[in-house]
C-alpha atoms as a PDB file:
ATOM      1  CA  GLN A   1       0.000   0.000   0.000  1.00  0.00           C
ATOM      2  CA  GLU A   2       1.292   3.435  -0.883  1.00  0.00           C
ATOM      3  CA  ILE A   3       1.102   4.996   2.572  1.00  0.00           C
ATOM      4  CA  PRO A   4       2.968   8.301   3.108  1.00  0.00           C
ATOM      5  CA  CYS A   5       5.116   7.306   6.096  1.00  0.00           C
ATOM      6  CA  ASN A   6       8.884   7.384   6.675  1.00  0.00           C
ATOM      7  CA  PRO A   7       9.824   8.136  10.327  1.00  0.00           C
ATOM      8  CA  CYS A   8      12.145   5.116  10.336  1.00  0.00           C
ATOM      9  CA  THR A   9      14.427   6.843   7.804  1.00  0.00           C
ATOM     10  CA  SER A  10      15.184   9.741  10.141  1.00  0.00           C
ATOM     11  CA  VAL A  11      15.421   7.867  13.447  1.00  0.00           C
ATOM     12  CA  CYS A  12      18.208   5.433  12.465  1.00  0.00           C
ATOM     13  CA  PRO A  13      21.464   6.569  14.170  1.00  0.00           C
ATOM     14  CA  GLN A  14      23.486   4.899  11.401  1.00  0.00           C
ATOM     15  CA  GLU A  15      21.428   6.620   8.658  1.00  0.00           C
ATOM     16  CA  GLN A  16      20.973   3.269   6.926  1.00  0.00           C
ATOM     17  CA  ILE A  17      17.227   3.268   6.243  1.00  0.00           C
ATOM     18  CA  GLU A  18      15.791   4.769   3.063  1.00  0.00           C
ATOM     19  CA  THR A  19      12.609   4.370   1.051  1.00  0.00           C
ATOM     20  CA  VAL A  20      12.611   3.083  -2.529  1.00  0.00           C
ATOM     21  CA  ASP A  21      13.461   5.968  -4.898  1.00  0.00           C
ATOM     22  CA  ASN A  22      13.377   8.257  -1.831  1.00  0.00           C
ATOM     23  CA  LEU A  23       9.593   8.460  -2.125  1.00  0.00           C
ATOM     24  CA  ILE A  24       7.604   8.815   1.089  1.00  0.00           C
ATOM     25  CA  THR A  25       4.952   6.414  -0.221  1.00  0.00           C
ATOM     26  CA  GLN A  26       7.402   3.583  -1.018  1.00  0.00           C
ATOM     27  CA  LEU A  27       8.674   0.757   1.190  1.00  0.00           C
ATOM     28  CA  PRO A  28      11.689   1.365   3.440  1.00  0.00           C
ATOM     29  CA  TYR A  29      14.800  -0.810   3.150  1.00  0.00           C
ATOM     30  CA  PHE A  30      18.159  -1.221   4.936  1.00  0.00           C
ATOM     31  CA  LYS A  31      21.058   0.021   2.792  1.00  0.00           C
ATOM     32  CA  GLY A  32      23.743  -2.052   4.513  1.00  0.00           C
ATOM     33  CA  GLU A  33      26.548   0.482   4.022  1.00  0.00           C
ATOM     34  CA  GLU A  34      27.063   0.507   7.800  1.00  0.00           C
ATOM     35  CA  ASP A  35      26.306  -2.182  10.382  1.00  0.00           C
ATOM     36  CA  CYS A  36      22.992  -2.132  12.218  1.00  0.00           C
ATOM     37  CA  ILE A  37      23.647  -1.664  15.937  1.00  0.00           C
ATOM     38  CA  GLY A  38      20.323  -3.208  16.962  1.00  0.00           C
ATOM     39  CA  CYS A  39      19.076  -0.162  18.860  1.00  0.00           C
ATOM     40  CA  GLY A  40      15.438  -0.905  17.986  1.00  0.00           C
ATOM     41  CA  GLN A  41      14.457   2.705  17.350  1.00  0.00           C
ATOM     42  CA  CYS A  42      13.062   1.903  13.912  1.00  0.00           C
ATOM     43  CA  VAL A  43      10.866  -0.777  15.509  1.00  0.00           C
ATOM     44  CA  ALA A  44       9.543   1.588  18.180  1.00  0.00           C
ATOM     45  CA  VAL A  45       8.956   4.619  15.949  1.00  0.00           C
ATOM     46  CA  CYS A  46       6.819   2.909  13.290  1.00  0.00           C
ATOM     47  CA  PRO A  47       3.191   4.022  13.821  1.00  0.00           C
ATOM     48  CA  GLY A  48       1.896   0.980  11.952  1.00  0.00           C
ATOM     49  CA  LEU A  49       3.906  -1.531  14.056  1.00  0.00           C
ATOM     50  CA  ALA A  50       5.203  -2.802  10.711  1.00  0.00           C
ATOM     51  CA  VAL A  51       8.941  -3.049  11.509  1.00  0.00           C
ATOM     52  CA  THR A  52      10.643  -6.060  13.109  1.00  0.00           C
ATOM     53  CA  LEU A  53      14.353  -6.399  13.847  1.00  0.00           C
ATOM     54  CA  VAL A  54      16.109  -9.721  13.126  1.00  0.00           C
ATOM     55  CA  ASP A  55      19.518 -10.033  14.836  1.00  0.00           C
ATOM     56  CA  TYR A  56      21.758 -12.868  13.591  1.00  0.00           C
ATOM     57  CA  ARG A  57      24.939 -11.672  15.316  1.00  0.00           C
ATOM     58  CA  LYS A  58      24.966 -14.059  18.281  1.00  0.00           C
ATOM     59  CA  ASP A  59      23.177 -17.055  16.778  1.00  0.00           C
ATOM     60  CA  LYS A  60      22.595 -17.522  13.053  1.00  0.00           C
ATOM     61  CA  ASP A  61      20.416 -20.592  13.563  1.00  0.00           C
ATOM     62  CA  TYR A  62      18.205 -18.981  16.228  1.00  0.00           C
ATOM     63  CA  PRO A  63      18.288 -15.213  15.670  1.00  0.00           C
ATOM     64  CA  SER A  64      16.703 -12.739  18.080  1.00  0.00           C
ATOM     65  CA  VAL A  65      13.624 -11.051  16.624  1.00  0.00           C
ATOM     66  CA  THR A  66      12.289  -7.843  18.190  1.00  0.00           C
ATOM     67  CA  PHE A  67       8.590  -6.957  17.902  1.00  0.00           C
ATOM     68  CA  PRO A  68       6.679  -3.801  18.893  1.00  0.00           C
ATOM     69  CA  VAL A  69       3.705  -4.167  21.246  1.00  0.00           C
ATOM     70  CA  GLU A  70       1.160  -1.447  22.056  1.00  0.00           C
ATOM     71  CA  LEU A  71      -2.355  -1.038  23.478  1.00  0.00           C
ATOM     72  CA  THR A  72      -2.018  -3.666  26.194  1.00  0.00           C
ATOM     73  CA  SER A  73      -1.960  -3.252  29.955  1.00  0.00           C
ATOM     74  CA  GLU A  74      -0.631  -6.777  30.445  1.00  0.00           C
ATOM     75  CA  LYS A  75       2.977  -6.991  31.574  1.00  0.00           C
ATOM     76  CA  ILE A  76       5.167  -9.186  29.378  1.00  0.00           C
ATOM     77  CA  SER A  77       8.179 -10.471  31.306  1.00  0.00           C
ATOM     78  CA  VAL A  78      11.363 -12.323  30.385  1.00  0.00           C
ATOM     79  CA  GLY A  79      10.693 -16.062  30.387  1.00  0.00           C
ATOM     80  CA  GLN A  80       7.021 -15.671  29.482  1.00  0.00           C
ATOM     81  CA  LYS A  81       5.724 -17.660  26.504  1.00  0.00           C
ATOM     82  CA  VAL A  82       4.233 -15.712  23.582  1.00  0.00           C
ATOM     83  CA  ILE A  83       2.841 -16.804  20.216  1.00  0.00           C
ATOM     84  CA  VAL A  84       4.702 -15.559  17.138  1.00  0.00           C
ATOM     85  CA  VAL A  85       2.580 -15.058  14.024  1.00  0.00           C
ATOM     86  CA  SER A  86       3.143 -14.416  10.324  1.00  0.00           C
ATOM     87  CA  ASP A  87       0.761 -12.688   7.924  1.00  0.00           C
ATOM     88  CA  ASP A  88      -1.452 -15.758   7.689  1.00  0.00           C
ATOM     89  CA  ARG A  89      -0.734 -18.226  10.499  1.00  0.00           C
ATOM     90  CA  GLU A  90       0.749 -18.934  13.910  1.00  0.00           C
ATOM     91  CA  LEU A  91       4.448 -19.879  13.746  1.00  0.00           C
ATOM     92  CA  GLY A  92       4.698 -21.282  17.255  1.00  0.00           C
ATOM     93  CA  GLU A  93       5.090 -20.483  20.933  1.00  0.00           C
ATOM     94  CA  PHE A  94       8.429 -19.073  22.074  1.00  0.00           C
ATOM     95  CA  GLU A  95      10.016 -17.658  25.219  1.00  0.00           C
ATOM     96  CA  VAL A  96      10.650 -13.940  25.709  1.00  0.00           C
ATOM     97  CA  ASN A  97      14.385 -13.154  26.048  1.00  0.00           C
ATOM     98  CA  ARG A  98      14.121  -9.402  26.525  1.00  0.00           C
ATOM     99  CA  SER A  99      11.401  -6.895  27.367  1.00  0.00           C
ATOM    100  CA  ARG A 100      12.121  -3.166  27.329  1.00  0.00           C
ATOM    101  CA  PHE A 101      10.925   0.367  26.678  1.00  0.00           C
ATOM    102  CA  LEU A 102      13.076   2.941  24.905  1.00  0.00           C
ATOM    103  CA  LYS A 103      13.262   6.314  26.648  1.00  0.00           C
ATOM    104  CA  GLU A 104      12.264   8.107  23.443  1.00  0.00           C
ATOM    105  CA  PHE A 105       9.186   5.905  22.918  1.00  0.00           C
ATOM    106  CA  PRO A 106       7.684   5.071  26.342  1.00  0.00           C
ATOM    107  CA  LYS A 107       4.363   3.785  24.931  1.00  0.00           C
ATOM    108  CA  THR A 108       5.848   1.040  22.750  1.00  0.00           C
ATOM    109  CA  LEU A 109       7.078  -2.146  24.399  1.00  0.00           C
ATOM    110  CA  LEU A 110       9.857  -3.996  22.561  1.00  0.00           C
ATOM    111  CA  ILE A 111       9.726  -7.769  22.963  1.00  0.00           C
ATOM    112  CA  THR A 112      12.672  -9.904  21.807  1.00  0.00           C
ATOM    113  CA  VAL A 113      12.205 -13.609  21.080  1.00  0.00           C
ATOM    114  CA  LYS A 114      14.643 -16.218  19.739  1.00  0.00           C
ATOM    115  CA  ILE A 115      13.098 -18.234  16.922  1.00  0.00           C
ATOM    116  CA  PRO A 116      14.431 -20.583  14.201  1.00  0.00           C
ATOM    117  CA  ALA A 117      16.103 -18.824  11.275  1.00  0.00           C
ATOM    118  CA  ARG A 118      13.675 -20.388   8.777  1.00  0.00           C
ATOM    119  CA  LEU A 119      10.804 -18.546  10.506  1.00  0.00           C
ATOM    120  CA  ALA A 120      12.531 -15.284  11.382  1.00  0.00           C
ATOM    121  CA  LYS A 121      11.822 -13.313   8.208  1.00  0.00           C
ATOM    122  CA  ASN A 122       8.178 -14.376   8.119  1.00  0.00           C
ATOM    123  CA  ALA A 123       7.472 -13.340  11.710  1.00  0.00           C
ATOM    124  CA  VAL A 124       5.511 -10.082  11.896  1.00  0.00           C
ATOM    125  CA  ALA A 125       4.027  -9.874  15.411  1.00  0.00           C
ATOM    126  CA  ILE A 126       3.312 -11.627  18.684  1.00  0.00           C
ATOM    127  CA  LYS A 127       0.111 -12.350  20.568  1.00  0.00           C
ATOM    128  CA  LEU A 128      -0.568 -13.582  24.057  1.00  0.00           C
ATOM    129  CA  GLN A 129      -3.494 -15.949  23.518  1.00  0.00           C
ATOM    130  CA  LYS A 130      -4.024 -18.789  21.098  1.00  0.00           C
ATOM    131  CA  THR A 131      -6.639 -18.364  18.402  1.00  0.00           C
ATOM    132  CA  THR A 132      -9.747 -20.418  19.067  1.00  0.00           C
ATOM    133  CA  TYR A 133     -12.490 -21.130  16.567  1.00  0.00           C
ATOM    134  CA  ASP A 134     -15.941 -21.952  17.911  1.00  0.00           C
ATOM    135  CA  GLU A 135     -18.764 -23.172  15.778  1.00  0.00           C
ATOM    136  CA  PRO A 136     -21.593 -20.590  15.697  1.00  0.00           C
ATOM    137  CA  ILE A 137     -24.042 -23.221  16.931  1.00  0.00           C
ATOM    138  CA  ASP A 138     -22.102 -23.373  20.205  1.00  0.00           C
ATOM    139  CA  LYS A 139     -22.603 -19.666  20.797  1.00  0.00           C
ATOM    140  CA  TYR A 140     -25.958 -18.804  19.342  1.00  0.00           C
ATOM    141  CA  GLN A 141     -29.404 -20.343  19.298  1.00  0.00           C
ATOM    142  CA  LYS A 142     -31.064 -19.964  15.918  1.00  0.00           C
ATOM    143  CA  THR A 143     -34.606 -18.640  15.961  1.00  0.00           C
ATOM    144  CA  TYR A 144     -36.928 -20.045  13.320  1.00  0.00           C
ATOM    145  CA  THR A 145     -40.169 -18.549  12.083  1.00  0.00           C
ATOM    146  CA  ASP A 146     -43.135 -20.523  13.453  1.00  0.00           C
ATOM    147  CA  ASP A 147     -44.725 -22.867  10.918  1.00  0.00           C
ATOM    148  CA  ASP A 148     -48.227 -21.522  11.528  1.00  0.00           C
ATOM    149  CA  VAL A 149     -47.312 -17.935  10.622  1.00  0.00           C
ATOM    150  CA  ILE A 150     -48.984 -16.754   7.409  1.00  0.00           C
ATOM    151  CA  VAL A 151     -46.459 -15.773   4.734  1.00  0.00           C
ATOM    152  CA  CYS A 152     -48.794 -14.908   1.872  1.00  0.00           C
ATOM    153  CA  ARG A 153     -51.826 -13.053   3.179  1.00  0.00           C
ATOM    154  CA  CYS A 154     -53.453 -12.922  -0.225  1.00  0.00           C
ATOM    155  CA  GLU A 155     -53.529 -16.709  -0.680  1.00  0.00           C
ATOM    156  CA  ARG A 156     -53.274 -17.697   3.032  1.00  0.00           C
ATOM    157  CA  VAL A 157     -50.042 -19.694   2.641  1.00  0.00           C
ATOM    158  CA  SER A 158     -48.212 -20.591   5.872  1.00  0.00           C
ATOM    159  CA  VAL A 159     -44.509 -20.809   6.718  1.00  0.00           C
ATOM    160  CA  GLY A 160     -44.826 -24.557   7.272  1.00  0.00           C
ATOM    161  CA  GLU A 161     -46.053 -25.128   3.729  1.00  0.00           C
ATOM    162  CA  ILE A 162     -43.208 -23.101   2.225  1.00  0.00           C
ATOM    163  CA  ARG A 163     -40.653 -24.811   4.468  1.00  0.00           C
ATOM    164  CA  LYS A 164     -41.967 -28.249   3.415  1.00  0.00           C
ATOM    165  CA  TRP A 165     -41.308 -27.586  -0.280  1.00  0.00           C
ATOM    166  CA  ILE A 166     -37.902 -26.025   0.387  1.00  0.00           C
ATOM    167  CA  ARG A 167     -36.896 -29.180   2.249  1.00  0.00           C
ATOM    168  CA  TYR A 168     -38.008 -31.175  -0.795  1.00  0.00           C
ATOM    169  CA  GLY A 169     -35.356 -29.234  -2.731  1.00  0.00           C
ATOM    170  CA  ILE A 170     -37.387 -26.430  -4.292  1.00  0.00           C
ATOM    171  CA  LYS A 171     -35.223 -23.318  -4.784  1.00  0.00           C
ATOM    172  CA  ASP A 172     -37.175 -21.628  -7.584  1.00  0.00           C
ATOM    173  CA  PHE A 173     -39.734 -18.944  -6.685  1.00  0.00           C
ATOM    174  CA  ASN A 174     -41.825 -19.773  -9.745  1.00  0.00           C
ATOM    175  CA  GLU A 175     -42.054 -23.407  -8.641  1.00  0.00           C
ATOM    176  CA  LEU A 176     -43.211 -22.292  -5.203  1.00  0.00           C
ATOM    177  CA  LYS A 177     -45.870 -20.164  -6.900  1.00  0.00           C
ATOM    178  CA  ALA A 178     -47.113 -23.111  -8.926  1.00  0.00           C
ATOM    179  CA  LEU A 179     -47.184 -25.410  -5.897  1.00  0.00           C
ATOM    180  CA  THR A 180     -48.661 -23.080  -3.272  1.00  0.00           C
ATOM    181  CA  LYS A 181     -50.022 -19.981  -5.106  1.00  0.00           C
ATOM    182  CA  VAL A 182     -47.723 -17.872  -2.934  1.00  0.00           C
ATOM    183  CA  GLY A 183     -47.135 -14.473  -4.543  1.00  0.00           C
ATOM    184  CA  MET A 184     -50.144 -14.875  -6.833  1.00  0.00           C
ATOM    185  CA  GLY A 185     -52.381 -12.449  -4.974  1.00  0.00           C
ATOM    186  CA  ALA A 186     -53.208  -8.817  -5.501  1.00  0.00           C
ATOM    187  CA  CYS A 187     -49.939  -7.509  -4.048  1.00  0.00           C
ATOM    188  CA  GLY A 188     -47.877  -9.431  -6.628  1.00  0.00           C
ATOM    189  CA  GLY A 189     -45.528 -10.904  -4.022  1.00  0.00           C
ATOM    190  CA  LYS A 190     -44.443  -7.626  -2.447  1.00  0.00           C
ATOM    191  CA  THR A 191     -45.265  -8.796   1.074  1.00  0.00           C
ATOM    192  CA  CYS A 192     -44.282 -12.451   0.992  1.00  0.00           C
ATOM    193  CA  THR A 193     -41.033 -12.333  -1.014  1.00  0.00           C
ATOM    194  CA  PRO A 194     -38.819 -10.989   1.842  1.00  0.00           C
ATOM    195  CA  LEU A 195     -40.377 -13.511   4.234  1.00  0.00           C
ATOM    196  CA  ILE A 196     -39.722 -16.400   1.853  1.00  0.00           C
ATOM    197  CA  ASN A 197     -36.106 -15.278   1.461  1.00  0.00           C
ATOM    198  CA  ARG A 198     -35.803 -15.467   5.242  1.00  0.00           C
ATOM    199  CA  ILE A 199     -37.176 -19.024   5.254  1.00  0.00           C
ATOM    200  CA  PHE A 200     -34.608 -19.980   2.599  1.00  0.00           C
ATOM    201  CA  ARG A 201     -31.837 -18.646   4.887  1.00  0.00           C
ATOM    202  CA  GLU A 202     -33.262 -20.509   7.876  1.00  0.00           C
ATOM    203  CA  GLU A 203     -33.130 -23.715   5.851  1.00  0.00           C
ATOM    204  CA  GLY A 204     -29.482 -23.144   4.931  1.00  0.00           C
ATOM    205  CA  VAL A 205     -30.049 -22.169   1.300  1.00  0.00           C
ATOM    206  CA  LEU A 206     -27.544 -19.573   0.094  1.00  0.00           C
ATOM    207  CA  PRO A 207     -28.983 -16.429  -1.561  1.00  0.00           C
ATOM    208  CA  GLU A 208     -27.159 -17.168  -4.820  1.00  0.00           C
ATOM    209  CA  GLU A 209     -28.813 -20.600  -4.987  1.00  0.00           C
ATOM    210  CA  VAL A 210     -32.322 -19.142  -4.977  1.00  0.00           C
ATOM    211  CA  ILE A 211     -33.856 -18.583  -8.425  1.00  0.00           C
ATOM    212  CA  PRO A 212     -35.930 -15.369  -8.295  1.00  0.00           C
ATOM    213  CA  GLY A 213     -39.480 -15.431  -9.553  1.00  0.00           C
ATOM    214  CA  SER A 214     -41.083 -13.439 -12.348  1.00  0.00           C
ATOM    215  CA  ASN A 215     -42.833 -10.269 -11.247  1.00  0.00           C
ATOM    216  CA  ARG A 216     -46.454 -10.101 -12.299  1.00  0.00           C
ATOM    217  CA  PRO A 217     -47.372  -7.192 -14.567  1.00  0.00           C
ATOM    218  CA  LEU A 218     -50.471  -5.042 -14.115  1.00  0.00           C
ATOM    219  CA  PHE A 219     -53.451  -7.116 -15.193  1.00  0.00           C
ATOM    220  CA  ILE A 220     -56.396  -4.732 -14.812  1.00  0.00           C
ATOM    221  CA  GLU A 221     -56.992  -2.179 -17.551  1.00  0.00           C
ATOM    222  CA  VAL A 222     -57.307   1.320 -16.149  1.00  0.00           C
ATOM    223  CA  LEU A 223     -58.091   4.472 -18.093  1.00  0.00           C
ATOM    224  CA  MET A 224     -55.382   7.126 -17.946  1.00  0.00           C
ATOM    225  CA  SER A 225     -58.041   9.579 -16.827  1.00  0.00           C
ATOM    226  CA  ALA A 226     -58.282   7.698 -13.545  1.00  0.00           C
ATOM    227  CA  PHE A 227     -54.640   8.490 -12.776  1.00  0.00           C
ATOM    228  CA  ALA A 228     -55.047  12.110 -13.844  1.00  0.00           C
ATOM    229  CA  ARG A 229     -58.321  12.460 -11.928  1.00  0.00           C
ATOM    230  CA  ALA A 230     -59.813  13.952 -15.068  1.00  0.00           C
ATOM    231  CA  LYS A 231     -63.535  14.281 -15.447  1.00  0.00           C
ATOM    232  CA  VAL A 232     -64.798  12.530 -18.560  1.00  0.00           C
ATOM    233  CA  LYS A 233     -67.593  14.388 -20.321  1.00  0.00           C
ATOM    234  CA  LYS A 234     -70.280  12.827 -22.391  1.00  0.00           C
ATOM    235  CA  GLY A 235     -68.974  11.714 -25.734  1.00  0.00           C
ATOM    236  CA  GLY A 236     -65.709  10.445 -24.248  1.00  0.00           C
ATOM    237  CA  LYS A 237     -63.959  13.830 -24.130  1.00  0.00           C
END
């Protein structure tokens, strides 16, 4: 994303961070003309928490990776286990080796974790709790429309009758019309159509699987004068 942001380029004491083509909207990169001293200021200054620091100096197989942490009141201590994540998955649980604040950035906690080298460059953040996935049925109780409720007031068709045909596999509105006369009344389906769509959802039918019905055209001839409220004189004029 082309986000105008480059505080990391000015905070580096070695002046080794630049953006591509020196554009404020481009990605920053490490030039490598001087050694990184591992101060962590670039990690702490980034407002998007998008910078991590990978330090291979002491252990190339298990480098130390520093992550920024904000917006938490929970204390993270050395020896505590945290979960390291990539852009799309959890990489594993690892022990905190260092926890510190920089004087210049007292609101951003820097957490350093040793992880395998094969994971280091994919690691983007840490979290304190494992992700859990609960099935919706475990959390919520579905409410169904009662079978004796009238869906089509014009033809007196109930929810139970519509539900019966949906469970037989009917997903076409026109078929429901032919079987139950639903939507065949004076309103042309204006009242019952939203209710039938709800019954489809209750029965687990996806909206894209439902074949919409044909809307009925006007079927009673009406003189234009009736709409204009014009008075018709004798002789038709």
